[in-house]
Protein backbone atom coordinates (compact mmCIF):
# COMPACT_ATOMS: atom_id res chain seq x y z
CA MET A 1 -187.14 -56.95 -63.71
CA ALA A 2 -189.63 -54.12 -63.17
CA TYR A 3 -189.04 -54.35 -59.41
CA ALA A 4 -185.27 -53.95 -59.85
CA VAL A 5 -185.79 -50.98 -62.17
CA GLY A 6 -188.07 -49.37 -59.57
CA VAL A 7 -185.53 -49.89 -56.78
CA ILE A 8 -182.76 -48.33 -58.89
CA LEU A 9 -184.94 -45.41 -59.99
CA PHE A 10 -186.09 -44.60 -56.48
CA ALA A 11 -182.57 -44.89 -55.09
CA ALA A 12 -181.50 -42.49 -57.83
CA GLY A 13 -184.32 -40.16 -56.82
CA ILE A 14 -183.10 -40.22 -53.21
CA CYS A 15 -179.55 -39.46 -54.31
CA LEU A 16 -180.78 -36.60 -56.51
CA SER A 17 -182.84 -35.16 -53.65
CA ILE A 18 -179.82 -35.25 -51.34
CA ALA A 19 -177.56 -33.84 -54.06
CA LEU A 20 -179.92 -30.91 -54.63
CA HIS A 21 -180.21 -30.35 -50.86
CA GLU A 22 -176.45 -30.01 -50.55
CA ALA A 23 -176.30 -27.96 -53.76
CA GLY A 24 -178.68 -25.51 -52.09
CA HIS A 25 -176.22 -25.02 -49.23
CA MET A 26 -173.35 -24.66 -51.68
CA ALA A 27 -175.09 -22.17 -53.97
CA ALA A 28 -176.16 -19.99 -51.05
CA ALA A 29 -172.68 -20.07 -49.49
CA LYS A 30 -170.94 -19.16 -52.74
CA SER A 31 -173.43 -16.36 -53.44
CA PHE A 32 -172.35 -14.72 -50.15
CA GLY A 33 -168.66 -15.12 -50.93
CA MET A 34 -168.00 -18.04 -48.57
CA ARG A 35 -165.40 -20.66 -49.48
CA VAL A 36 -166.87 -24.11 -50.26
CA ARG A 37 -164.10 -26.67 -49.93
CA ARG A 38 -165.93 -29.89 -50.83
CA TYR A 39 -169.27 -30.97 -52.26
CA PHE A 40 -169.74 -34.74 -52.01
CA ILE A 41 -172.63 -37.17 -52.39
CA GLY A 42 -172.31 -40.20 -50.12
CA PHE A 43 -170.01 -41.12 -47.26
CA GLY A 44 -166.98 -43.34 -46.83
CA PRO A 45 -164.18 -43.88 -49.38
CA THR A 46 -164.07 -41.52 -52.36
CA ILE A 47 -164.77 -43.28 -55.66
CA TRP A 48 -164.51 -40.20 -57.89
CA SER A 49 -163.71 -36.51 -57.51
CA THR A 50 -162.66 -33.48 -59.49
CA LYS A 51 -161.65 -29.99 -58.47
CA LYS A 52 -162.94 -26.76 -59.95
CA GLY A 53 -161.70 -23.52 -58.48
CA HIS A 54 -161.51 -23.90 -54.70
CA THR A 55 -164.16 -26.65 -54.55
CA GLU A 56 -163.68 -30.41 -54.83
CA TYR A 57 -166.72 -32.24 -56.21
CA GLY A 58 -167.12 -35.99 -55.85
CA LEU A 59 -168.93 -39.23 -55.07
CA LYS A 60 -168.31 -41.55 -52.14
CA ALA A 61 -168.97 -45.27 -51.80
CA VAL A 62 -172.00 -45.21 -49.47
CA PRO A 63 -174.89 -43.24 -51.06
CA ALA A 64 -176.66 -42.65 -47.74
CA GLY A 65 -176.33 -38.88 -47.60
CA GLY A 66 -173.99 -36.10 -48.60
CA PHE A 67 -172.22 -33.02 -47.34
CA CYS A 68 -171.10 -29.53 -48.27
CA ASP A 69 -167.90 -28.50 -46.48
CA ILE A 70 -167.87 -24.72 -45.99
CA ALA A 71 -164.74 -23.10 -44.58
CA GLY A 72 -165.23 -21.77 -41.06
CA MET A 73 -168.74 -23.11 -40.60
CA THR A 74 -168.15 -22.89 -36.83
CA ALA A 75 -165.48 -21.28 -34.68
CA LEU A 76 -164.00 -24.76 -34.07
CA ASP A 77 -163.12 -25.34 -37.72
CA ASP A 78 -159.50 -25.09 -38.80
CA TYR A 79 -158.74 -22.86 -41.73
CA THR A 80 -155.80 -21.60 -43.76
CA GLU A 81 -154.71 -18.00 -44.10
CA ASP A 82 -155.93 -18.11 -47.69
CA GLU A 83 -159.44 -19.04 -46.48
CA LYS A 84 -159.62 -16.43 -43.72
CA PRO A 85 -161.45 -13.73 -45.78
CA TYR A 86 -164.09 -16.28 -46.81
CA LEU A 87 -165.08 -17.90 -43.51
CA MET A 88 -168.76 -18.54 -42.91
CA VAL A 89 -168.51 -17.78 -39.20
CA ASP A 90 -167.51 -14.18 -39.94
CA ARG A 91 -170.51 -13.47 -42.16
CA PRO A 92 -173.65 -11.67 -40.96
CA ALA A 93 -176.09 -13.88 -39.07
CA TRP A 94 -178.81 -13.58 -41.71
CA GLN A 95 -176.46 -14.86 -44.41
CA ARG A 96 -175.42 -17.85 -42.29
CA LEU A 97 -179.06 -18.60 -41.54
CA VAL A 98 -179.94 -18.49 -45.24
CA VAL A 99 -177.11 -20.93 -45.98
CA MET A 100 -178.32 -23.37 -43.32
CA LEU A 101 -181.93 -23.17 -44.54
CA ALA A 102 -181.12 -23.30 -48.25
CA GLY A 103 -180.99 -27.11 -48.45
CA ILE A 104 -184.29 -27.40 -46.60
CA ILE A 105 -185.91 -24.88 -48.96
CA VAL A 106 -184.66 -26.87 -51.97
CA ASN A 107 -186.30 -30.06 -50.67
CA ILE A 108 -189.59 -28.24 -50.06
CA VAL A 109 -189.55 -26.68 -53.53
CA LEU A 110 -188.67 -30.03 -55.11
CA GLY A 111 -191.51 -31.78 -53.26
CA ILE A 112 -194.00 -29.11 -54.34
CA ALA A 113 -192.74 -29.28 -57.95
CA ILE A 114 -193.26 -33.06 -58.06
CA ILE A 115 -196.78 -32.73 -56.64
CA PHE A 116 -197.63 -29.98 -59.15
CA GLY A 117 -196.38 -32.14 -62.02
CA VAL A 118 -198.52 -35.07 -60.85
CA ALA A 119 -201.54 -32.77 -60.43
CA VAL A 120 -201.31 -31.53 -64.02
CA ALA A 121 -200.38 -34.84 -65.64
CA HIS A 122 -202.67 -37.18 -63.75
CA GLY A 123 -204.45 -35.56 -60.81
CA LEU A 124 -203.96 -35.95 -57.07
CA PRO A 125 -205.49 -38.50 -54.70
CA ASN A 126 -208.54 -37.40 -52.79
CA THR A 127 -207.01 -37.01 -49.33
CA ALA A 128 -210.26 -38.07 -47.71
CA ILE A 129 -209.26 -41.61 -48.68
CA SER A 130 -206.52 -41.58 -46.06
CA THR A 131 -209.13 -41.21 -43.33
CA LEU A 132 -211.68 -43.73 -44.56
CA SER A 133 -211.57 -45.51 -41.21
CA ASP A 134 -213.22 -42.44 -39.68
CA VAL A 135 -216.01 -41.91 -42.23
CA PRO A 136 -219.51 -43.42 -41.95
CA ALA A 137 -219.92 -46.94 -43.36
CA VAL A 138 -222.02 -45.78 -46.32
CA VAL A 139 -222.16 -48.05 -49.37
CA GLY A 140 -220.67 -46.36 -52.41
CA LYS A 141 -220.63 -49.47 -54.60
CA THR A 142 -221.12 -53.22 -54.21
CA LEU A 143 -218.44 -55.58 -55.51
CA CYS A 144 -217.59 -59.23 -55.78
CA THR A 145 -214.98 -60.52 -53.31
CA PRO A 146 -211.77 -62.31 -54.37
CA ALA A 147 -211.60 -65.45 -52.20
CA THR A 148 -207.84 -65.93 -51.94
CA ALA A 149 -204.82 -63.67 -51.52
CA ALA A 150 -203.67 -64.67 -55.00
CA ASP A 151 -207.06 -63.69 -56.47
CA ALA A 152 -206.95 -60.36 -54.60
CA SER A 153 -203.50 -59.45 -56.02
CA ALA A 154 -204.25 -60.63 -59.57
CA ASN A 155 -205.10 -58.34 -62.48
CA ASP A 156 -202.55 -55.67 -61.47
CA GLY A 157 -203.95 -55.48 -57.96
CA GLU A 158 -207.56 -55.01 -59.08
CA GLY A 159 -208.43 -58.57 -58.08
CA GLU A 160 -210.26 -61.36 -59.85
CA CYS A 161 -213.71 -62.59 -58.83
CA THR A 162 -217.19 -63.16 -60.20
CA GLY A 163 -220.74 -62.65 -59.04
CA ALA A 164 -222.58 -59.77 -57.42
CA GLY A 165 -220.86 -60.18 -54.05
CA PRO A 166 -222.16 -60.72 -50.50
CA ALA A 167 -223.27 -57.11 -49.96
CA ALA A 168 -225.43 -57.07 -53.08
CA ASP A 169 -226.80 -60.54 -52.30
CA SER A 170 -227.71 -59.26 -48.82
CA GLY A 171 -229.85 -56.52 -50.37
CA LEU A 172 -227.45 -53.64 -49.72
CA ARG A 173 -227.47 -50.84 -52.25
CA GLU A 174 -225.71 -47.53 -52.87
CA GLY A 175 -226.39 -44.96 -50.13
CA ASP A 176 -227.18 -47.50 -47.40
CA ARG A 177 -225.41 -46.85 -44.11
CA ILE A 178 -224.48 -49.90 -42.03
CA THR A 179 -224.96 -48.83 -38.40
CA ALA A 180 -224.60 -52.17 -36.58
CA VAL A 181 -223.32 -55.70 -37.27
CA ASP A 182 -224.05 -58.70 -35.03
CA GLY A 183 -225.13 -56.45 -32.17
CA SER A 184 -222.11 -54.10 -32.31
CA ALA A 185 -222.41 -50.49 -33.46
CA THR A 186 -220.49 -49.62 -36.61
CA ASP A 187 -220.33 -45.84 -36.42
CA THR A 188 -217.44 -45.70 -38.89
CA PHE A 189 -216.07 -47.73 -41.77
CA GLY A 190 -213.16 -48.67 -39.48
CA ASP A 191 -215.65 -50.14 -37.00
CA LEU A 192 -217.24 -52.15 -39.80
CA GLN A 193 -213.87 -53.50 -40.94
CA GLU A 194 -212.98 -54.58 -37.39
CA LYS A 195 -216.33 -56.33 -36.98
CA LEU A 196 -216.03 -58.12 -40.33
CA ASP A 197 -212.51 -59.26 -39.38
CA ALA A 198 -213.88 -60.72 -36.16
CA VAL A 199 -216.82 -62.43 -37.90
CA GLY A 200 -214.60 -63.87 -40.62
CA SER A 201 -211.95 -65.08 -38.17
CA ALA A 202 -214.58 -66.73 -35.96
CA ALA A 203 -216.16 -68.44 -38.96
CA ALA A 204 -212.78 -69.69 -40.17
CA ALA A 205 -211.94 -70.99 -36.69
CA SER A 206 -215.22 -72.94 -36.63
CA GLY A 207 -214.29 -74.71 -39.85
CA THR A 208 -215.90 -72.50 -42.49
CA VAL A 209 -213.68 -72.80 -45.58
CA THR A 210 -212.36 -69.91 -47.65
CA GLY A 211 -214.95 -68.77 -50.16
CA SER A 212 -217.90 -69.86 -48.01
CA ARG A 213 -220.29 -67.46 -46.33
CA THR A 214 -221.76 -66.94 -42.90
CA THR A 215 -224.77 -64.76 -42.07
CA VAL A 216 -225.03 -62.25 -39.21
CA PRO A 217 -227.75 -59.75 -38.28
CA ALA A 218 -227.12 -56.14 -39.25
CA THR A 219 -228.89 -52.79 -39.10
CA VAL A 220 -228.99 -50.51 -42.13
CA GLU A 221 -230.13 -46.90 -42.34
CA ARG A 222 -231.95 -46.24 -45.62
CA ASP A 223 -233.96 -43.13 -46.46
CA GLY A 224 -233.80 -42.01 -42.82
CA ALA A 225 -235.24 -45.26 -41.43
CA ASP A 226 -233.51 -48.23 -39.80
CA ARG A 227 -234.14 -51.73 -41.07
CA GLY A 228 -232.70 -55.10 -40.17
CA ILE A 229 -231.06 -57.37 -42.74
CA ASP A 230 -229.25 -60.69 -42.78
CA LEU A 231 -225.74 -59.62 -43.80
CA GLN A 232 -223.77 -62.23 -45.71
CA VAL A 233 -220.05 -62.25 -44.83
CA GLU A 234 -217.65 -64.21 -46.99
CA VAL A 235 -214.59 -65.85 -45.45
CA VAL A 236 -211.61 -64.74 -47.53
CA GLU A 237 -207.85 -65.09 -47.41
CA ARG A 238 -205.72 -61.94 -47.40
CA GLU A 239 -201.98 -61.25 -47.27
CA LYS A 240 -200.53 -59.56 -44.19
CA THR A 241 -197.71 -57.01 -44.29
CA ASP A 242 -195.16 -59.69 -43.31
CA GLY A 243 -196.07 -61.79 -46.35
CA SER A 244 -198.11 -64.42 -44.50
CA THR A 245 -201.84 -64.92 -45.06
CA THR A 246 -204.80 -64.76 -42.70
CA GLN A 247 -208.50 -65.46 -42.96
CA THR A 248 -210.92 -62.59 -42.49
CA GLY A 249 -214.41 -61.47 -43.46
CA ALA A 250 -215.50 -59.42 -46.47
CA VAL A 251 -218.85 -58.23 -47.78
CA GLY A 252 -217.78 -56.70 -51.09
CA MET A 253 -218.47 -52.99 -50.83
CA GLN A 254 -216.64 -49.79 -51.59
CA VAL A 255 -217.26 -47.07 -49.02
CA ARG A 256 -218.68 -43.77 -50.26
CA ILE A 257 -215.83 -41.26 -50.36
CA PRO A 258 -216.61 -37.86 -48.77
CA GLY A 259 -216.42 -34.64 -50.75
CA SER A 260 -216.25 -35.08 -54.49
CA GLY A 261 -216.74 -38.81 -54.22
CA GLU A 262 -213.88 -39.35 -56.68
CA LEU A 263 -210.69 -41.28 -55.99
CA THR A 264 -208.68 -38.67 -57.88
CA ASN A 265 -209.07 -34.89 -58.10
CA HIS A 266 -208.23 -33.60 -61.58
CA TYR A 267 -206.73 -30.20 -62.41
CA ASN A 268 -205.57 -27.95 -65.22
CA PRO A 269 -202.34 -25.92 -64.88
CA VAL A 270 -204.23 -23.08 -63.16
CA THR A 271 -206.36 -25.05 -60.71
CA ALA A 272 -203.36 -27.30 -60.00
CA VAL A 273 -201.83 -24.43 -58.00
CA GLY A 274 -204.55 -24.64 -55.36
CA GLY A 275 -204.65 -28.43 -55.54
CA THR A 276 -200.89 -28.60 -55.05
CA ALA A 277 -201.09 -26.25 -52.06
CA ASP A 278 -203.84 -28.35 -50.44
CA TYR A 279 -202.08 -31.65 -51.04
CA SER A 280 -198.70 -30.25 -49.93
CA TRP A 281 -200.24 -29.06 -46.67
CA TYR A 282 -201.75 -32.51 -46.22
CA VAL A 283 -198.28 -34.04 -46.67
CA VAL A 284 -196.70 -31.50 -44.29
CA ARG A 285 -199.21 -32.37 -41.54
CA GLY A 286 -198.55 -36.06 -42.01
CA THR A 287 -194.78 -35.54 -42.04
CA ALA A 288 -194.88 -33.49 -38.83
CA LYS A 289 -196.92 -36.19 -37.08
CA ALA A 290 -194.58 -38.93 -38.32
CA LEU A 291 -191.57 -36.99 -37.04
CA VAL A 292 -193.13 -36.46 -33.60
CA ASP A 293 -194.09 -40.16 -33.42
CA LEU A 294 -190.66 -41.36 -34.60
CA PRO A 295 -189.22 -42.20 -31.13
CA SER A 296 -192.28 -44.28 -30.18
CA ARG A 297 -191.94 -46.32 -33.36
CA TYR A 298 -188.39 -47.47 -32.67
CA TRP A 299 -189.15 -50.47 -30.48
CA PRO A 300 -191.74 -51.97 -32.87
CA VAL A 301 -189.02 -51.83 -35.54
CA VAL A 302 -186.68 -53.76 -33.23
CA GLU A 303 -189.40 -56.37 -32.60
CA SER A 304 -189.98 -56.75 -36.34
CA ILE A 305 -186.35 -57.82 -36.77
CA PHE A 306 -187.04 -60.80 -34.51
CA GLY A 307 -190.29 -61.86 -36.16
CA GLY A 308 -192.79 -59.21 -35.05
CA GLU A 309 -195.23 -57.77 -37.56
CA ARG A 310 -193.94 -54.75 -39.49
CA SER A 311 -196.66 -52.12 -39.67
CA MET A 312 -197.38 -50.18 -42.85
CA ASP A 313 -196.51 -46.87 -41.18
CA SER A 314 -193.21 -48.15 -39.81
CA PRO A 315 -190.14 -45.92 -40.32
CA VAL A 316 -188.02 -46.96 -43.30
CA SER A 317 -184.46 -46.27 -44.40
CA VAL A 318 -183.23 -45.52 -47.91
CA VAL A 319 -183.22 -49.31 -48.36
CA GLY A 320 -186.88 -49.64 -47.39
CA ALA A 321 -187.93 -46.59 -49.40
CA SER A 322 -186.16 -47.95 -52.48
CA ARG A 323 -187.84 -51.33 -52.02
CA ALA A 324 -191.20 -49.55 -51.81
CA GLY A 325 -190.34 -47.75 -55.04
CA GLY A 326 -189.60 -51.11 -56.64
CA GLU A 327 -192.99 -52.50 -55.59
CA LEU A 328 -194.79 -49.46 -56.96
CA VAL A 329 -193.05 -49.75 -60.35
CA LYS A 330 -193.70 -53.50 -60.42
CA HIS A 331 -197.42 -52.79 -60.05
CA GLU A 332 -197.21 -49.81 -62.46
CA GLN A 333 -198.13 -47.32 -59.75
CA TRP A 334 -196.09 -44.45 -61.19
CA VAL A 335 -198.22 -41.73 -59.62
CA GLN A 336 -197.69 -43.18 -56.15
CA PHE A 337 -193.98 -43.57 -56.99
CA ALA A 338 -193.72 -39.84 -57.71
CA LEU A 339 -195.76 -38.87 -54.66
CA LEU A 340 -193.61 -41.10 -52.44
CA LEU A 341 -190.55 -39.22 -53.70
CA ALA A 342 -192.31 -35.91 -52.92
CA ASN A 343 -193.08 -37.20 -49.41
CA LEU A 344 -189.41 -38.11 -48.99
CA ASN A 345 -188.37 -34.54 -49.82
CA PHE A 346 -190.79 -33.09 -47.28
CA PHE A 347 -189.48 -35.52 -44.68
CA LEU A 348 -185.86 -34.57 -45.46
CA ALA A 349 -186.81 -30.91 -45.01
CA ALA A 350 -188.63 -31.54 -41.72
CA PHE A 351 -185.91 -33.81 -40.37
CA ASN A 352 -183.21 -31.25 -41.09
CA LEU A 353 -185.30 -28.56 -39.37
CA VAL A 354 -184.97 -30.35 -36.02
CA PRO A 355 -183.21 -27.73 -33.81
CA LEU A 356 -180.43 -30.04 -32.63
CA PRO A 357 -176.88 -30.30 -33.95
CA PRO A 358 -175.65 -31.76 -36.26
CA MET A 359 -178.91 -31.08 -38.17
CA ASP A 360 -179.22 -27.92 -40.26
CA GLY A 361 -181.90 -26.72 -37.86
CA GLY A 362 -179.47 -27.15 -34.96
CA HIS A 363 -176.90 -24.88 -36.59
CA GLY A 364 -179.66 -22.42 -37.44
CA ALA A 365 -180.84 -22.45 -33.82
CA VAL A 366 -177.31 -21.55 -32.67
CA ILE A 367 -177.27 -18.56 -35.03
CA VAL A 368 -180.64 -17.37 -33.72
CA TRP A 369 -179.40 -17.84 -30.13
CA GLU A 370 -176.33 -15.69 -30.90
CA LYS A 371 -178.56 -12.85 -32.10
CA ILE A 372 -180.84 -13.09 -29.05
CA ARG A 373 -177.81 -13.17 -26.73
CA ASP A 374 -176.24 -10.14 -28.44
CA TRP A 375 -179.53 -8.23 -28.17
CA PHE A 376 -179.48 -8.67 -24.41
CA ARG A 377 -175.77 -7.81 -24.29
CA LYS A 378 -176.42 -4.60 -26.19
CA ARG A 379 -179.11 -3.57 -23.70
CA ARG A 380 -176.52 -4.03 -20.96
CA GLY A 381 -173.98 -1.91 -22.84
CA LEU A 382 -171.80 -4.88 -23.82
CA ALA A 383 -170.20 -5.72 -27.16
CA PRO A 384 -171.47 -8.70 -29.22
CA GLY A 385 -170.40 -12.03 -27.78
CA GLY A 386 -168.93 -13.41 -31.00
CA PRO A 387 -169.44 -16.91 -32.42
CA ALA A 388 -171.00 -19.50 -30.11
CA ASP A 389 -168.67 -21.83 -28.25
CA TYR A 390 -169.31 -25.11 -30.05
CA THR A 391 -167.20 -27.05 -27.54
CA LYS A 392 -170.16 -26.82 -25.19
CA LEU A 393 -172.40 -28.29 -27.89
CA LEU A 394 -170.11 -31.21 -28.76
CA PRO A 395 -171.65 -33.59 -26.17
CA VAL A 396 -175.13 -32.90 -27.58
CA THR A 397 -173.83 -33.35 -31.12
CA TYR A 398 -172.20 -36.68 -30.26
CA VAL A 399 -175.31 -37.98 -28.49
CA VAL A 400 -177.64 -36.98 -31.33
CA ALA A 401 -175.26 -38.44 -33.93
CA ALA A 402 -175.05 -41.71 -31.98
CA ILE A 403 -178.84 -41.93 -31.68
CA LEU A 404 -179.24 -41.32 -35.41
CA LEU A 405 -176.59 -43.95 -36.18
CA VAL A 406 -178.26 -46.60 -34.00
CA PHE A 407 -181.75 -45.74 -35.24
CA GLY A 408 -180.62 -45.78 -38.87
CA ALA A 409 -178.77 -49.09 -38.54
CA THR A 410 -181.79 -50.69 -36.84
CA VAL A 411 -184.20 -49.57 -39.57
CA ILE A 412 -181.84 -50.73 -42.34
CA ILE A 413 -181.61 -54.20 -40.75
CA ALA A 414 -185.42 -54.34 -40.44
CA ASP A 415 -185.78 -53.25 -44.08
CA VAL A 416 -183.61 -56.22 -45.11
CA VAL A 417 -185.03 -59.00 -42.90
CA ASN A 418 -188.66 -57.85 -42.59
CA PRO A 419 -189.45 -55.06 -45.06
CA VAL A 420 -192.65 -53.07 -45.28
CA ARG A 421 -194.75 -54.59 -48.04
CA LEU A 422 -197.16 -52.38 -49.98
CA PHE A 423 -198.84 -55.22 -51.87
């Protein structure tokens, strides 16, 4: 039940984000005296609409987007004589650019507002956690190790186990840095994880049962001196992203987190301003990288449809994002739910900034090109060139739209048959 509620809530959050994006375009257009014909959420058949003034407002059957129909958005658009004084294409370039950027600005503001709310109400994750694979393998805390995947997911994801754990039984203590395991250097925590996976898998292959331990030599740096220890590695069962289980190795330690050393940074309403700015910039960097990497991630998504493993950082559609929202609510991860919605708004903003039609950034790029062209024309003693000839851009628009359609359909299918699993 909680999962279904989470799916519905996140889908509603997506729809609201899109609705506010399009409302940004509409509000900006109307403020400059442009005629907004239609404001709809969704695509396909209309399921409800009403008209107020010159604008028809409504909902369509497929809640996968939305649109704001502004009269004369390009020189190709048909218009009536009644609409002629209110055409967007006849407005100053700066006004048209503001209209095209308004939806993007709304998504950015909404994302920042969500992050600020989380910062004040709960605190924000220490972003160093996202790069734990690159930090030194320094023991922050020793723990017991749940033996099975079911044990690991029990107790609201905290896990269930008893005992001091292999790390503590091996003599490891807080502040120790593990520099080598079984003859291989472990410069980072990621290196340590890879080595433990290999040790655990080899032990399991040799017949060591889940819950049993194997011992390997390791080097530990303590108080500036290296010392050798016999590191106990427990063979455990863990769930993979595709839902299957695998056997791996675990020692039962929590890595020391850089900086404050806390999982969560806490703020008051004043300090939350800086915290929100820092975390927002962290999200922006991650969003930009994800957008640049998007083409290279397409084929792995295709492979996942036919049984390949779906990676945690795989692109997702509104279906996959809503499923992720359902998982987070099921496990009572409301903070992560809110931050995922903030991430979605930053991604919507970045995606729409892409300078290719039919994206908002593509239309904005045309407006900027018109101004640059007219500047050169003026230097040559020529009159402004007028609105851009969109007929020359139609092939690009069709190709980009087709690519987006195929990409979107592929990701939706993958989200149904082999979804990304957070837990």
